[in-house]
Amino acid sequence: LIQWISTRMEYLDNMWDIASLPETPLGVESIEKESIIESIGVGRNGVIIKCNSATQISIYNTTGQLVKSVMLKQGVNDIPLSKGIYIVNNKKIVIL
């Protein structure tokens, strides 16, 4: 099996002439994703989320259950939540 793999790799290397490929990859060289959510914090009775454009966000409890699904507007959004621990945009939020 090892001999067959080595032979096959050599065949493919020769077939595609990998040594002659440019060192710089072709196509997309980098992807920069602009973050829509600028900040997430704890308010008096819930969570405060600041975002640079309207977006949908899901809030989960620690057991993974969906608690709320909210359409956020651009700017500051105050979302009321009862006391507990939540996961918002992969960040743990504790409401006391």
C-alpha atoms as a PDB file:
ATOM      1  CA  LEU A   1       0.000   0.000   0.000  1.00  0.00           C
ATOM      2  CA  ILE A   2       2.765   2.454   0.884  1.00  0.00           C
ATOM      3  CA  GLN A   3       4.544   1.683  -2.382  1.00  0.00           C
ATOM      4  CA  TRP A   4       1.319   2.225  -4.337  1.00  0.00           C
ATOM      5  CA  ILE A   5       0.710   5.588  -2.590  1.00  0.00           C
ATOM      6  CA  SER A   6       4.276   6.723  -3.311  1.00  0.00           C
ATOM      7  CA  THR A   7       3.966   5.680  -6.963  1.00  0.00           C
ATOM      8  CA  ARG A   8       0.601   7.402  -7.283  1.00  0.00           C
ATOM      9  CA  MET A   9       1.896  10.629  -5.718  1.00  0.00           C
ATOM     10  CA  GLU A  10       4.892  10.640  -8.045  1.00  0.00           C
ATOM     11  CA  TYR A  11       2.603  10.061 -11.036  1.00  0.00           C
ATOM     12  CA  LEU A  12       0.330  12.944 -10.035  1.00  0.00           C
ATOM     13  CA  ASP A  13       3.294  15.244  -9.375  1.00  0.00           C
ATOM     14  CA  ASN A  14       4.634  14.532 -12.854  1.00  0.00           C
ATOM     15  CA  MET A  15       1.227  14.737 -14.487  1.00  0.00           C
ATOM     16  CA  TRP A  16       0.384  18.150 -13.048  1.00  0.00           C
ATOM     17  CA  ASP A  17       3.974  19.463 -12.940  1.00  0.00           C
ATOM     18  CA  ILE A  18       3.486  20.928  -9.461  1.00  0.00           C
ATOM     19  CA  ALA A  19       7.004  22.374  -9.401  1.00  0.00           C
ATOM     20  CA  SER A  20       6.058  24.846 -12.146  1.00  0.00           C
ATOM     21  CA  LEU A  21       3.040  26.292 -10.317  1.00  0.00           C
ATOM     22  CA  PRO A  22       3.437  29.853  -9.029  1.00  0.00           C
ATOM     23  CA  GLU A  23       4.197  30.229  -5.326  1.00  0.00           C
ATOM     24  CA  THR A  24       1.442  32.804  -4.936  1.00  0.00           C
ATOM     25  CA  PRO A  25      -1.940  31.085  -4.869  1.00  0.00           C
ATOM     26  CA  LEU A  26      -4.326  31.952  -7.633  1.00  0.00           C
ATOM     27  CA  GLY A  27      -7.739  33.420  -6.859  1.00  0.00           C
ATOM     28  CA  VAL A  28      -8.692  34.969  -3.540  1.00  0.00           C
ATOM     29  CA  GLU A  29      -5.642  35.653  -1.415  1.00  0.00           C
ATOM     30  CA  SER A  30      -7.390  36.864   1.702  1.00  0.00           C
ATOM     31  CA  ILE A  31     -10.870  37.308   3.063  1.00  0.00           C
ATOM     32  CA  GLU A  32     -11.638  40.091   5.469  1.00  0.00           C
ATOM     33  CA  LYS A  33     -15.064  39.878   7.015  1.00  0.00           C
ATOM     34  CA  GLU A  34     -16.419  43.092   8.397  1.00  0.00           C
ATOM     35  CA  SER A  35     -18.018  42.556  11.762  1.00  0.00           C
ATOM     36  CA  ILE A  36     -21.629  43.724  11.858  1.00  0.00           C
ATOM     37  CA  ILE A  37     -21.760  43.552  15.672  1.00  0.00           C
ATOM     38  CA  GLU A  38     -19.489  46.188  17.173  1.00  0.00           C
ATOM     39  CA  SER A  39     -20.051  45.445  20.855  1.00  0.00           C
ATOM     40  CA  ILE A  40     -22.125  43.362  23.253  1.00  0.00           C
ATOM     41  CA  GLY A  41     -22.593  44.356  26.875  1.00  0.00           C
ATOM     42  CA  VAL A  42     -24.816  43.887  29.889  1.00  0.00           C
ATOM     43  CA  GLY A  43     -27.455  46.520  30.651  1.00  0.00           C
ATOM     44  CA  ARG A  44     -29.795  46.950  33.614  1.00  0.00           C
ATOM     45  CA  ASN A  45     -32.308  44.321  32.574  1.00  0.00           C
ATOM     46  CA  GLY A  46     -30.784  42.670  29.581  1.00  0.00           C
ATOM     47  CA  VAL A  47     -28.147  42.886  26.924  1.00  0.00           C
ATOM     48  CA  ILE A  48     -27.061  45.921  24.904  1.00  0.00           C
ATOM     49  CA  ILE A  49     -25.814  45.273  21.381  1.00  0.00           C
ATOM     50  CA  LYS A  50     -24.299  47.917  19.133  1.00  0.00           C
ATOM     51  CA  CYS A  51     -24.155  47.090  15.430  1.00  0.00           C
ATOM     52  CA  ASN A  52     -23.160  48.972  12.295  1.00  0.00           C
ATOM     53  CA  SER A  53     -26.057  47.643  10.186  1.00  0.00           C
ATOM     54  CA  ALA A  54     -29.338  45.816  10.681  1.00  0.00           C
ATOM     55  CA  THR A  55     -28.930  42.103  11.343  1.00  0.00           C
ATOM     56  CA  GLN A  56     -30.704  39.102  12.842  1.00  0.00           C
ATOM     57  CA  ILE A  57     -29.265  37.662  16.050  1.00  0.00           C
ATOM     58  CA  SER A  58     -30.105  34.589  18.124  1.00  0.00           C
ATOM     59  CA  ILE A  59     -29.763  34.374  21.904  1.00  0.00           C
ATOM     60  CA  TYR A  60     -29.300  30.959  23.523  1.00  0.00           C
ATOM     61  CA  ASN A  61     -29.257  29.709  27.108  1.00  0.00           C
ATOM     62  CA  THR A  62     -26.469  27.496  28.446  1.00  0.00           C
ATOM     63  CA  THR A  63     -28.264  24.313  27.395  1.00  0.00           C
ATOM     64  CA  GLY A  64     -28.316  25.475  23.791  1.00  0.00           C
ATOM     65  CA  GLN A  65     -32.010  26.324  23.643  1.00  0.00           C
ATOM     66  CA  LEU A  66     -33.011  29.342  21.581  1.00  0.00           C
ATOM     67  CA  VAL A  67     -34.325  32.009  23.974  1.00  0.00           C
ATOM     68  CA  LYS A  68     -34.868  34.874  21.529  1.00  0.00           C
ATOM     69  CA  SER A  69     -34.362  35.678  17.903  1.00  0.00           C
ATOM     70  CA  VAL A  70     -34.190  39.427  17.401  1.00  0.00           C
ATOM     71  CA  MET A  71     -33.866  41.692  14.380  1.00  0.00           C
ATOM     72  CA  LEU A  72     -31.391  44.379  15.404  1.00  0.00           C
ATOM     73  CA  LYS A  73     -31.403  47.859  13.934  1.00  0.00           C
ATOM     74  CA  GLN A  74     -28.288  49.846  13.127  1.00  0.00           C
ATOM     75  CA  GLY A  75     -26.988  51.515  16.275  1.00  0.00           C
ATOM     76  CA  VAL A  76     -27.662  50.589  19.904  1.00  0.00           C
ATOM     77  CA  ASN A  77     -30.201  47.849  20.703  1.00  0.00           C
ATOM     78  CA  ASP A  78     -31.447  47.130  24.238  1.00  0.00           C
ATOM     79  CA  ILE A  79     -32.816  43.582  24.507  1.00  0.00           C
ATOM     80  CA  PRO A  80     -34.622  42.734  27.771  1.00  0.00           C
ATOM     81  CA  LEU A  81     -33.700  39.365  29.321  1.00  0.00           C
ATOM     82  CA  SER A  82     -34.422  37.818  32.701  1.00  0.00           C
ATOM     83  CA  LYS A  83     -31.596  36.920  35.075  1.00  0.00           C
ATOM     84  CA  GLY A  84     -29.416  34.123  33.777  1.00  0.00           C
ATOM     85  CA  ILE A  85     -26.497  33.139  31.571  1.00  0.00           C
ATOM     86  CA  TYR A  86     -26.840  33.531  27.813  1.00  0.00           C
ATOM     87  CA  ILE A  87     -24.783  33.022  24.685  1.00  0.00           C
ATOM     88  CA  VAL A  88     -24.985  35.945  22.274  1.00  0.00           C
ATOM     89  CA  ASN A  89     -22.873  35.878  19.100  1.00  0.00           C
ATOM     90  CA  ASN A  90     -20.524  33.268  20.703  1.00  0.00           C
ATOM     91  CA  LYS A  91     -20.030  35.452  23.778  1.00  0.00           C
ATOM     92  CA  LYS A  92     -21.175  34.546  27.296  1.00  0.00           C
ATOM     93  CA  ILE A  93     -23.423  37.160  28.898  1.00  0.00           C
ATOM     94  CA  VAL A  94     -24.433  37.041  32.587  1.00  0.00           C
ATOM     95  CA  ILE A  95     -27.513  39.007  33.633  1.00  0.00           C
ATOM     96  CA  LEU A  96     -27.643  39.475  37.432  1.00  0.00           C
END
